[in-house]
Amino acid sequence: MKVDLEKLSGLERKLSFEVPSDSVASAFNQAYQVIQKQVSVKGFRKGKAPIQTLKSMYGDHAKQEALEKLLQKSYVSGLREHDLNPVGYPDIEVLHFQEGEPLKFVAKFEVRPELELQQYENLPLKKQKFELDTKKVDEILEGLRQDRAHLHEVQDREVAQKGDLAVVDFEGSVDGAPLEKGASKDHQLELGAGQFIPGFEDGVMGMKIGEEKTLKLFFPSDYHEESLKGKPVDFKVKLNGLKYKHAPELNDEFAKTFGTDSLEDFRKRIEQDYVERETKRIKDAFKEEILTVLASRNPLEVPRVMLQEQKTLLISDTSERLKREGLGQEQISDYVSKWDEDFGKTAQKMVHVGFLINAIADKENLGATEDDFQKRLEEYQKTTGIELESIRSFYSQSERKDRLMFQITEDKVIDFVASKGAVREE
């Protein structure tokens, strides 16, 4: 068999095959022999029908069977001959195939990149230094107090002022056309909280209950909707009423509504939760820093097929999450379309980093072991309270186990790179 290799571009390769006619004839004969054993032909005992008769009756089927076997066998043989490690399935084009004649076909595919690790030790890494900010704890407590606040009608005045909860009707328009999702009835707006675009809340302040006015404003230049950045917008506003919040006092009685004995105990619990949350956030950010620097110091061309598979997986996971959050299919489609480029960039980095993680793990013997896997399941049991057997059953599926094993390997590599890095806390 003749197999020629051609490098097309980047990681794409093409193998051109010419399979000898005697191999083609053998494949046909094998196909007919299988058919001969399986079918019954009138006038002949099963397994005794002449090959010539079978050719006239099952020629197309035999040709397809012979082709599939020849393609598979030849493709694998060609990969071995040229020492190629393909990614994904090949795109095969059959150029010529007839019984008794050579088979000619080409296979196009991508190969795994040849990775030479350039630097993964002494990486310049930045890590946020954690410092307990008691003001943050105070803010959390105040937020909880405000969440328990009750609303009351303002009785002693009719003019809106900062801090009020203004009950308003409004309709927005841009270039004379109604603003999409820019209208509401009896909307409760906290004046001074900065919930609306600049100028809206200031425009409501000073209005009297029952008063109507038009606010001529501009969307900020950094507005999240691209088509509205910096554009003028008119809002017709009517002030229907004014309310104010009455929050409970911050004392032991308030703390007891959250299941603690005293305000001091409640504050300690909030502080502990805050510390744990911030510690995790800093750890996650540091991990992202390591992966970003690692990728920048070890450039790699990513196979397009793997990039597309990862992007598809990201979109699928995101779509399922948005669906659980109550979004409709049209909203999900709009979201996916809007962030398509970001999905691509994230997928690119994930595939790139995946190659690096596995390469470092192989070189430094950091791959996840079965013992690591079992310990991780036991950790899950302690943190979730779920029975260990149920967790083991969940991860008995090979795909789930493979994902977790990679996560463990990634964690071990991250710890290794961090321990060998030039870390600067700031």
Protein backbone atom coordinates (compact mmCIF):
# COMPACT_ATOMS: atom_id res chain seq x y z
CA MET A 1 0.00 0.00 0.00
CA LYS A 2 1.23 3.47 -0.90
CA VAL A 3 0.65 6.27 1.63
CA ASP A 4 1.83 9.84 1.03
CA LEU A 5 1.81 12.47 3.76
CA GLU A 6 1.19 16.16 3.11
CA LYS A 7 1.24 18.96 5.66
CA LEU A 8 -1.56 21.33 4.75
CA SER A 9 -1.37 24.10 7.36
CA GLY A 10 -0.65 24.26 11.06
CA LEU A 11 -1.86 20.99 12.55
CA GLU A 12 -3.82 19.82 9.50
CA ARG A 13 -2.49 16.82 7.62
CA LYS A 14 -3.53 14.88 4.53
CA LEU A 15 -2.78 11.23 3.81
CA SER A 16 -3.20 9.99 0.23
CA PHE A 17 -3.78 6.25 -0.05
CA GLU A 18 -3.51 3.77 -2.89
CA VAL A 19 -4.57 0.28 -1.80
CA PRO A 20 -3.45 -2.55 -4.16
CA SER A 21 -6.08 -4.34 -6.24
CA ASP A 22 -5.33 -7.70 -4.59
CA SER A 23 -6.21 -6.20 -1.17
CA VAL A 24 -9.43 -4.81 -2.64
CA ALA A 25 -10.27 -8.23 -4.14
CA SER A 26 -9.62 -9.88 -0.78
CA ALA A 27 -11.92 -7.43 1.00
CA PHE A 28 -14.70 -8.13 -1.52
CA ASN A 29 -14.25 -11.88 -1.13
CA GLN A 30 -14.48 -11.61 2.66
CA ALA A 31 -17.63 -9.51 2.36
CA TYR A 32 -19.27 -12.07 0.07
CA GLN A 33 -18.28 -14.93 2.35
CA VAL A 34 -19.98 -13.22 5.29
CA ILE A 35 -23.10 -12.61 3.18
CA GLN A 36 -23.03 -16.21 1.96
CA LYS A 37 -23.24 -17.48 5.53
CA GLN A 38 -26.00 -15.09 6.54
CA VAL A 39 -28.54 -15.12 3.68
CA SER A 40 -30.86 -17.72 2.20
CA VAL A 41 -31.18 -17.84 -1.58
CA LYS A 42 -34.02 -19.78 -3.23
CA GLY A 43 -32.75 -22.99 -4.84
CA PHE A 44 -29.65 -23.23 -2.65
CA ARG A 45 -28.97 -24.45 0.85
CA LYS A 46 -28.00 -21.71 3.31
CA GLY A 47 -24.31 -20.95 2.92
CA LYS A 48 -24.08 -22.68 -0.47
CA ALA A 49 -25.25 -19.95 -2.85
CA PRO A 50 -22.62 -19.25 -5.58
CA ILE A 51 -20.62 -16.03 -5.15
CA GLN A 52 -21.65 -14.93 -8.67
CA THR A 53 -25.30 -15.16 -7.68
CA LEU A 54 -24.61 -13.17 -4.53
CA LYS A 55 -22.81 -10.50 -6.55
CA SER A 56 -25.92 -9.86 -8.63
CA MET A 57 -28.12 -9.72 -5.52
CA TYR A 58 -25.92 -8.12 -2.86
CA GLY A 59 -23.21 -6.37 -4.86
CA ASP A 60 -23.86 -2.89 -3.42
CA HIS A 61 -23.96 -4.17 0.14
CA ALA A 62 -20.72 -6.12 -0.30
CA LYS A 63 -19.06 -3.08 -1.87
CA GLN A 64 -20.00 -0.91 1.11
CA GLU A 65 -18.79 -3.52 3.62
CA ALA A 66 -15.52 -3.96 1.77
CA LEU A 67 -14.98 -0.20 1.53
CA GLU A 68 -15.55 0.40 5.25
CA LYS A 69 -13.09 -2.32 6.24
CA LEU A 70 -10.47 -1.14 3.74
CA LEU A 71 -10.77 2.50 4.84
CA GLN A 72 -10.47 1.67 8.53
CA LYS A 73 -7.57 -0.73 8.14
CA SER A 74 -5.68 1.47 5.67
CA TYR A 75 -6.18 4.65 7.72
CA VAL A 76 -4.83 3.06 10.91
CA SER A 77 -1.90 1.59 8.99
CA GLY A 78 -1.11 4.97 7.42
CA LEU A 79 -1.10 6.68 10.81
CA ARG A 80 1.36 4.12 12.16
CA GLU A 81 3.59 4.36 9.09
CA HIS A 82 3.98 8.12 9.47
CA ASP A 83 3.82 8.14 13.29
CA LEU A 84 0.82 10.46 13.47
CA ASN A 85 -1.42 11.13 16.48
CA PRO A 86 -4.74 12.41 15.11
CA VAL A 87 -7.38 14.47 16.90
CA GLY A 88 -11.00 13.70 16.13
CA TYR A 89 -12.36 11.85 13.12
CA PRO A 90 -10.83 12.20 9.65
CA ASP A 91 -12.56 13.77 6.67
CA ILE A 92 -12.33 11.00 4.05
CA GLU A 93 -12.83 11.43 0.33
CA VAL A 94 -12.92 8.30 -1.87
CA LEU A 95 -11.39 9.06 -5.27
CA HIS A 96 -11.73 5.63 -6.92
CA PHE A 97 -13.18 2.33 -5.80
CA GLN A 98 -14.09 -0.62 -8.01
CA GLU A 99 -13.80 -4.35 -7.49
CA GLY A 100 -10.54 -5.70 -8.86
CA GLU A 101 -8.94 -2.20 -9.07
CA PRO A 102 -6.80 -0.20 -6.62
CA LEU A 103 -8.66 1.87 -4.02
CA LYS A 104 -7.66 5.53 -3.97
CA PHE A 105 -8.74 7.89 -1.19
CA VAL A 106 -7.50 10.81 0.90
CA ALA A 107 -7.96 11.49 4.62
CA LYS A 108 -7.68 14.97 6.13
CA PHE A 109 -7.38 15.45 9.88
CA GLU A 110 -5.64 17.41 12.62
CA VAL A 111 -2.84 16.05 14.77
CA ARG A 112 -2.04 16.71 18.40
CA PRO A 113 0.44 19.57 18.78
CA GLU A 114 4.01 18.70 19.66
CA LEU A 115 4.39 20.41 23.00
CA GLU A 116 7.79 21.40 24.33
CA LEU A 117 7.42 22.95 27.76
CA GLN A 118 9.39 26.20 27.81
CA GLN A 119 8.80 27.52 31.34
CA TYR A 120 6.69 26.42 34.26
CA GLU A 121 9.07 27.13 37.13
CA ASN A 122 10.01 30.58 38.46
CA LEU A 123 6.95 32.11 36.84
CA PRO A 124 6.30 35.73 37.90
CA LEU A 125 2.99 35.44 39.76
CA LYS A 126 0.83 38.00 41.52
CA LYS A 127 -1.39 37.04 44.44
CA GLN A 128 -3.75 39.24 46.37
CA LYS A 129 -2.87 39.54 50.03
CA PHE A 130 -5.83 38.95 52.31
CA GLU A 131 -6.45 41.50 55.02
CA LEU A 132 -9.56 41.39 57.16
CA ASP A 133 -11.63 44.49 56.49
CA THR A 134 -14.06 44.94 59.37
CA LYS A 135 -15.91 47.59 57.34
CA LYS A 136 -16.99 44.81 54.97
CA VAL A 137 -18.49 42.92 57.89
CA ASP A 138 -20.33 46.09 58.91
CA GLU A 139 -21.63 46.46 55.34
CA ILE A 140 -22.90 42.88 55.31
CA LEU A 141 -24.68 43.41 58.63
CA GLU A 142 -26.24 46.62 57.35
CA GLY A 143 -27.33 44.88 54.18
CA LEU A 144 -29.06 42.16 56.19
CA ARG A 145 -30.71 44.83 58.34
CA GLN A 146 -32.01 46.61 55.25
CA ASP A 147 -33.28 43.29 53.83
CA ARG A 148 -35.49 42.99 56.93
CA ALA A 149 -36.78 46.54 56.56
CA HIS A 150 -40.51 47.23 56.18
CA LEU A 151 -41.92 49.80 53.76
CA HIS A 152 -44.17 52.63 54.93
CA GLU A 153 -45.92 55.44 53.07
CA VAL A 154 -44.38 58.89 53.50
CA GLN A 155 -47.05 60.90 55.29
CA ASP A 156 -45.51 64.28 56.09
CA ARG A 157 -44.54 65.49 52.59
CA GLU A 158 -45.24 65.04 48.86
CA VAL A 159 -41.88 66.03 47.37
CA ALA A 160 -39.39 63.26 46.55
CA GLN A 161 -35.96 63.44 48.11
CA LYS A 162 -32.81 61.35 48.30
CA GLY A 163 -33.31 58.08 50.18
CA ASP A 164 -37.00 57.80 49.32
CA LEU A 165 -38.45 54.79 47.58
CA ALA A 166 -40.24 56.54 44.72
CA VAL A 167 -43.14 54.69 43.09
CA VAL A 168 -43.03 55.73 39.43
CA ASP A 169 -44.44 54.96 36.00
CA PHE A 170 -41.97 55.54 33.17
CA GLU A 171 -41.69 55.08 29.42
CA GLY A 172 -38.41 55.41 27.55
CA SER A 173 -37.94 56.32 23.90
CA VAL A 174 -34.90 56.61 21.63
CA ASP A 175 -35.15 58.57 18.38
CA GLY A 176 -38.90 58.68 18.87
CA ALA A 177 -39.25 54.89 19.07
CA PRO A 178 -40.18 53.02 22.29
CA LEU A 179 -37.15 51.75 24.18
CA GLU A 180 -37.16 47.95 24.39
CA LYS A 181 -37.78 46.89 28.02
CA GLY A 182 -37.76 50.59 28.88
CA ALA A 183 -41.19 50.96 30.45
CA SER A 184 -42.72 50.03 33.79
CA LYS A 185 -45.70 50.75 36.05
CA ASP A 186 -45.46 51.40 39.80
CA HIS A 187 -41.74 50.73 39.78
CA GLN A 188 -40.13 51.22 43.19
CA LEU A 189 -36.92 53.20 42.76
CA GLU A 190 -34.58 54.04 45.63
CA LEU A 191 -33.46 57.59 44.96
CA GLY A 192 -29.71 58.03 45.22
CA ALA A 193 -28.90 54.32 44.92
CA GLY A 194 -27.64 54.67 41.35
CA GLN A 195 -29.88 51.93 39.97
CA PHE A 196 -30.80 53.81 36.78
CA ILE A 197 -28.71 55.68 34.23
CA PRO A 198 -27.17 58.98 35.38
CA GLY A 199 -29.71 61.79 35.74
CA PHE A 200 -32.82 59.66 36.13
CA GLU A 201 -32.93 59.56 39.92
CA ASP A 202 -31.80 63.19 40.17
CA GLY A 203 -34.68 64.09 37.83
CA VAL A 204 -37.22 62.38 40.07
CA MET A 205 -35.94 64.17 43.18
CA GLY A 206 -37.99 67.30 43.68
CA MET A 207 -41.07 65.93 41.88
CA LYS A 208 -44.43 66.03 43.68
CA ILE A 209 -46.75 63.05 43.98
CA GLY A 210 -48.96 63.05 40.88
CA GLU A 211 -46.52 65.18 38.87
CA GLU A 212 -45.46 64.14 35.35
CA LYS A 213 -42.34 65.25 33.49
CA THR A 214 -40.01 64.21 30.67
CA LEU A 215 -36.35 63.57 31.47
CA LYS A 216 -33.94 64.14 28.58
CA LEU A 217 -30.89 62.03 29.32
CA PHE A 218 -28.00 60.17 27.69
CA PHE A 219 -26.93 56.57 28.06
CA PRO A 220 -23.37 56.39 29.45
CA SER A 221 -20.54 55.68 27.00
CA ASP A 222 -19.78 52.41 28.81
CA TYR A 223 -23.39 51.17 28.78
CA HIS A 224 -23.70 47.38 28.50
CA GLU A 225 -25.90 47.55 25.38
CA GLU A 226 -23.62 48.44 22.48
CA SER A 227 -26.32 50.06 20.32
CA LEU A 228 -27.29 52.49 23.11
CA LYS A 229 -23.86 53.69 24.23
CA GLY A 230 -23.87 57.50 24.43
CA LYS A 231 -27.29 57.83 22.78
CA PRO A 232 -29.90 60.39 23.89
CA VAL A 233 -33.04 58.97 25.54
CA ASP A 234 -36.30 60.53 26.74
CA PHE A 235 -38.18 59.18 29.77
CA LYS A 236 -41.75 60.18 30.51
CA VAL A 237 -42.06 59.84 34.27
CA LYS A 238 -45.00 60.05 36.67
CA LEU A 239 -44.51 60.01 40.45
CA ASN A 240 -47.29 57.90 42.00
CA GLY A 241 -46.14 57.82 45.60
CA LEU A 242 -43.33 57.87 48.13
CA LYS A 243 -42.25 55.22 50.60
CA TYR A 244 -39.50 54.86 53.16
CA LYS A 245 -37.77 51.89 54.73
CA HIS A 246 -37.93 51.19 58.44
CA ALA A 247 -35.15 48.78 59.34
CA PRO A 248 -34.92 46.88 62.67
CA GLU A 249 -32.29 47.81 65.21
CA LEU A 250 -28.99 45.96 65.14
CA ASN A 251 -29.19 44.13 68.46
CA ASP A 252 -29.40 40.68 70.04
CA GLU A 253 -33.07 40.32 69.10
CA PHE A 254 -32.23 40.94 65.47
CA ALA A 255 -29.38 38.40 65.63
CA LYS A 256 -31.69 35.75 67.10
CA THR A 257 -33.86 35.87 63.96
CA PHE A 258 -30.82 34.36 62.16
CA GLY A 259 -30.42 31.53 64.67
CA THR A 260 -27.62 32.96 66.83
CA ASP A 261 -27.67 33.81 70.55
CA SER A 262 -26.35 37.34 70.35
CA LEU A 263 -25.24 40.10 68.01
CA GLU A 264 -21.63 39.32 68.92
CA ASP A 265 -22.04 35.67 67.90
CA PHE A 266 -23.83 36.71 64.73
CA ARG A 267 -21.03 39.10 63.84
CA LYS A 268 -18.43 36.36 64.38
CA ARG A 269 -20.38 34.03 62.06
CA ILE A 270 -20.60 36.69 59.37
CA GLU A 271 -16.89 37.41 59.76
CA GLN A 272 -16.05 33.71 59.43
CA ASP A 273 -18.21 33.37 56.31
CA TYR A 274 -16.62 36.50 54.86
CA VAL A 275 -13.09 35.21 55.52
CA GLU A 276 -13.89 31.82 53.94
CA ARG A 277 -15.51 33.46 50.93
CA GLU A 278 -12.65 35.91 50.39
CA THR A 279 -10.03 33.19 50.88
CA LYS A 280 -11.70 31.10 48.19
CA ARG A 281 -12.02 34.10 45.86
CA ILE A 282 -8.31 34.91 46.25
CA LYS A 283 -7.39 31.26 45.72
CA ASP A 284 -9.51 31.05 42.56
CA ALA A 285 -8.04 34.32 41.26
CA PHE A 286 -4.52 33.05 41.94
CA LYS A 287 -5.28 29.84 40.08
CA GLU A 288 -6.48 31.87 37.10
CA GLU A 289 -3.30 33.97 37.31
CA ILE A 290 -1.15 30.82 37.24
CA LEU A 291 -2.99 29.39 34.24
CA THR A 292 -2.83 32.69 32.34
CA VAL A 293 0.91 33.14 32.90
CA LEU A 294 1.56 29.46 32.21
CA ALA A 295 -0.24 29.74 28.86
CA SER A 296 1.59 32.94 27.91
CA ARG A 297 4.99 31.38 28.65
CA ASN A 298 4.17 28.17 26.76
CA PRO A 299 2.48 29.11 23.46
CA LEU A 300 0.70 26.34 21.63
CA GLU A 301 -1.44 25.94 18.53
CA VAL A 302 -4.76 24.39 19.49
CA PRO A 303 -6.50 21.86 17.19
CA ARG A 304 -9.63 23.44 15.72
CA VAL A 305 -11.69 20.32 16.30
CA MET A 306 -10.88 20.32 20.03
CA LEU A 307 -11.54 24.04 20.23
CA GLN A 308 -14.97 23.61 18.66
CA GLU A 309 -15.83 20.66 20.91
CA GLN A 310 -14.89 22.64 24.04
CA LYS A 311 -16.82 25.69 22.85
CA THR A 312 -19.89 23.55 22.17
CA LEU A 313 -19.61 22.04 25.66
CA LEU A 314 -19.33 25.50 27.25
CA ILE A 315 -22.39 26.76 25.38
CA SER A 316 -24.35 23.64 26.31
CA ASP A 317 -23.46 23.97 30.02
CA THR A 318 -24.28 27.69 30.02
CA SER A 319 -27.59 27.14 28.23
CA GLU A 320 -28.62 24.52 30.78
CA ARG A 321 -27.72 26.86 33.65
CA LEU A 322 -29.70 29.74 32.13
CA LYS A 323 -32.64 27.41 31.55
CA ARG A 324 -32.61 26.39 35.22
CA GLU A 325 -32.59 30.09 36.13
CA GLY A 326 -35.84 30.54 34.22
CA LEU A 327 -34.71 32.11 30.93
CA GLY A 328 -36.62 31.25 27.76
CA GLN A 329 -35.05 29.76 24.64
CA GLU A 330 -35.04 33.10 22.78
CA GLN A 331 -33.26 34.82 25.68
CA ILE A 332 -30.73 31.99 25.88
CA SER A 333 -30.08 32.19 22.13
CA ASP A 334 -29.56 35.96 22.38
CA TYR A 335 -27.13 35.48 25.27
CA VAL A 336 -25.14 32.80 23.44
CA SER A 337 -24.98 34.95 20.30
CA LYS A 338 -23.87 38.03 22.26
CA TRP A 339 -21.05 36.21 24.04
CA ASP A 340 -20.00 33.92 21.18
CA GLU A 341 -16.54 35.45 20.92
CA ASP A 342 -15.97 35.08 24.65
CA PHE A 343 -17.01 31.43 24.50
CA GLY A 344 -14.37 30.94 21.80
CA LYS A 345 -11.63 32.64 23.82
CA THR A 346 -12.49 30.65 26.95
CA ALA A 347 -12.52 27.38 24.99
CA GLN A 348 -9.16 28.26 23.42
CA LYS A 349 -7.59 28.82 26.83
CA MET A 350 -9.13 25.70 28.35
CA VAL A 351 -7.80 23.41 25.60
CA HIS A 352 -4.40 25.12 25.66
CA VAL A 353 -4.13 24.83 29.44
CA GLY A 354 -5.34 21.23 29.32
CA PHE A 355 -2.35 20.25 27.17
CA LEU A 356 0.02 22.09 29.52
CA ILE A 357 -1.45 20.52 32.66
CA ASN A 358 -1.11 17.01 31.27
CA ALA A 359 2.43 17.68 29.99
CA ILE A 360 3.63 19.02 33.36
CA ALA A 361 1.86 16.20 35.20
CA ASP A 362 3.63 13.61 33.01
CA LYS A 363 7.02 15.26 33.42
CA GLU A 364 6.76 15.75 37.19
CA ASN A 365 4.75 12.60 37.96
CA LEU A 366 1.78 14.58 39.26
CA GLY A 367 -1.06 12.65 37.66
CA ALA A 368 -4.11 11.80 39.76
CA THR A 369 -4.02 8.34 41.32
CA GLU A 370 -6.85 6.09 42.44
CA ASP A 371 -5.94 6.97 46.03
CA ASP A 372 -6.28 10.69 45.18
CA PHE A 373 -9.66 9.97 43.63
CA GLN A 374 -10.99 8.13 46.69
CA LYS A 375 -9.72 10.86 49.05
CA ARG A 376 -11.51 13.52 46.96
CA LEU A 377 -14.77 11.56 47.22
CA GLU A 378 -14.34 11.38 50.98
CA GLU A 379 -13.79 15.16 51.07
CA TYR A 380 -17.02 15.65 49.12
CA GLN A 381 -18.83 13.44 51.64
CA LYS A 382 -17.62 15.57 54.56
CA THR A 383 -18.53 18.90 52.94
CA THR A 384 -21.89 17.87 51.47
CA GLY A 385 -23.16 15.30 53.95
CA ILE A 386 -24.15 13.00 51.07
CA GLU A 387 -23.57 9.31 51.68
CA LEU A 388 -20.22 8.13 50.36
CA GLU A 389 -21.79 5.26 48.39
CA SER A 390 -24.06 7.71 46.57
CA ILE A 391 -21.06 9.85 45.64
CA ARG A 392 -19.15 6.79 44.46
CA SER A 393 -22.14 5.70 42.39
CA PHE A 394 -22.32 9.14 40.74
CA TYR A 395 -18.64 9.06 39.79
CA SER A 396 -18.77 5.45 38.63
CA GLN A 397 -19.55 6.73 35.13
CA SER A 398 -16.29 6.90 33.21
CA GLU A 399 -16.85 10.41 31.85
CA ARG A 400 -17.55 11.85 35.30
CA LYS A 401 -14.58 10.06 36.80
CA ASP A 402 -12.30 11.27 34.00
CA ARG A 403 -13.38 14.86 34.63
CA LEU A 404 -12.73 14.59 38.34
CA MET A 405 -9.37 12.90 37.78
CA PHE A 406 -8.34 15.78 35.53
CA GLN A 407 -9.48 18.30 38.17
CA ILE A 408 -7.32 16.52 40.75
CA THR A 409 -4.36 16.49 38.37
CA GLU A 410 -4.90 20.17 37.64
CA ASP A 411 -4.97 20.99 41.36
CA LYS A 412 -1.70 19.11 41.90
CA VAL A 413 -0.02 20.88 38.98
CA ILE A 414 -1.30 24.28 40.17
CA ASP A 415 0.14 23.65 43.65
CA PHE A 416 3.45 22.56 42.12
CA VAL A 417 3.75 25.59 39.82
CA ALA A 418 2.80 27.91 42.69
CA SER A 419 5.46 26.36 44.96
CA LYS A 420 8.09 26.88 42.25
CA GLY A 421 6.91 30.35 41.23
CA ALA A 422 8.16 33.83 42.06
CA VAL A 423 5.03 34.89 43.94
CA ARG A 424 4.48 38.53 44.83
CA GLU A 425 1.67 39.33 47.23
CA GLU A 426 0.06 42.71 46.81
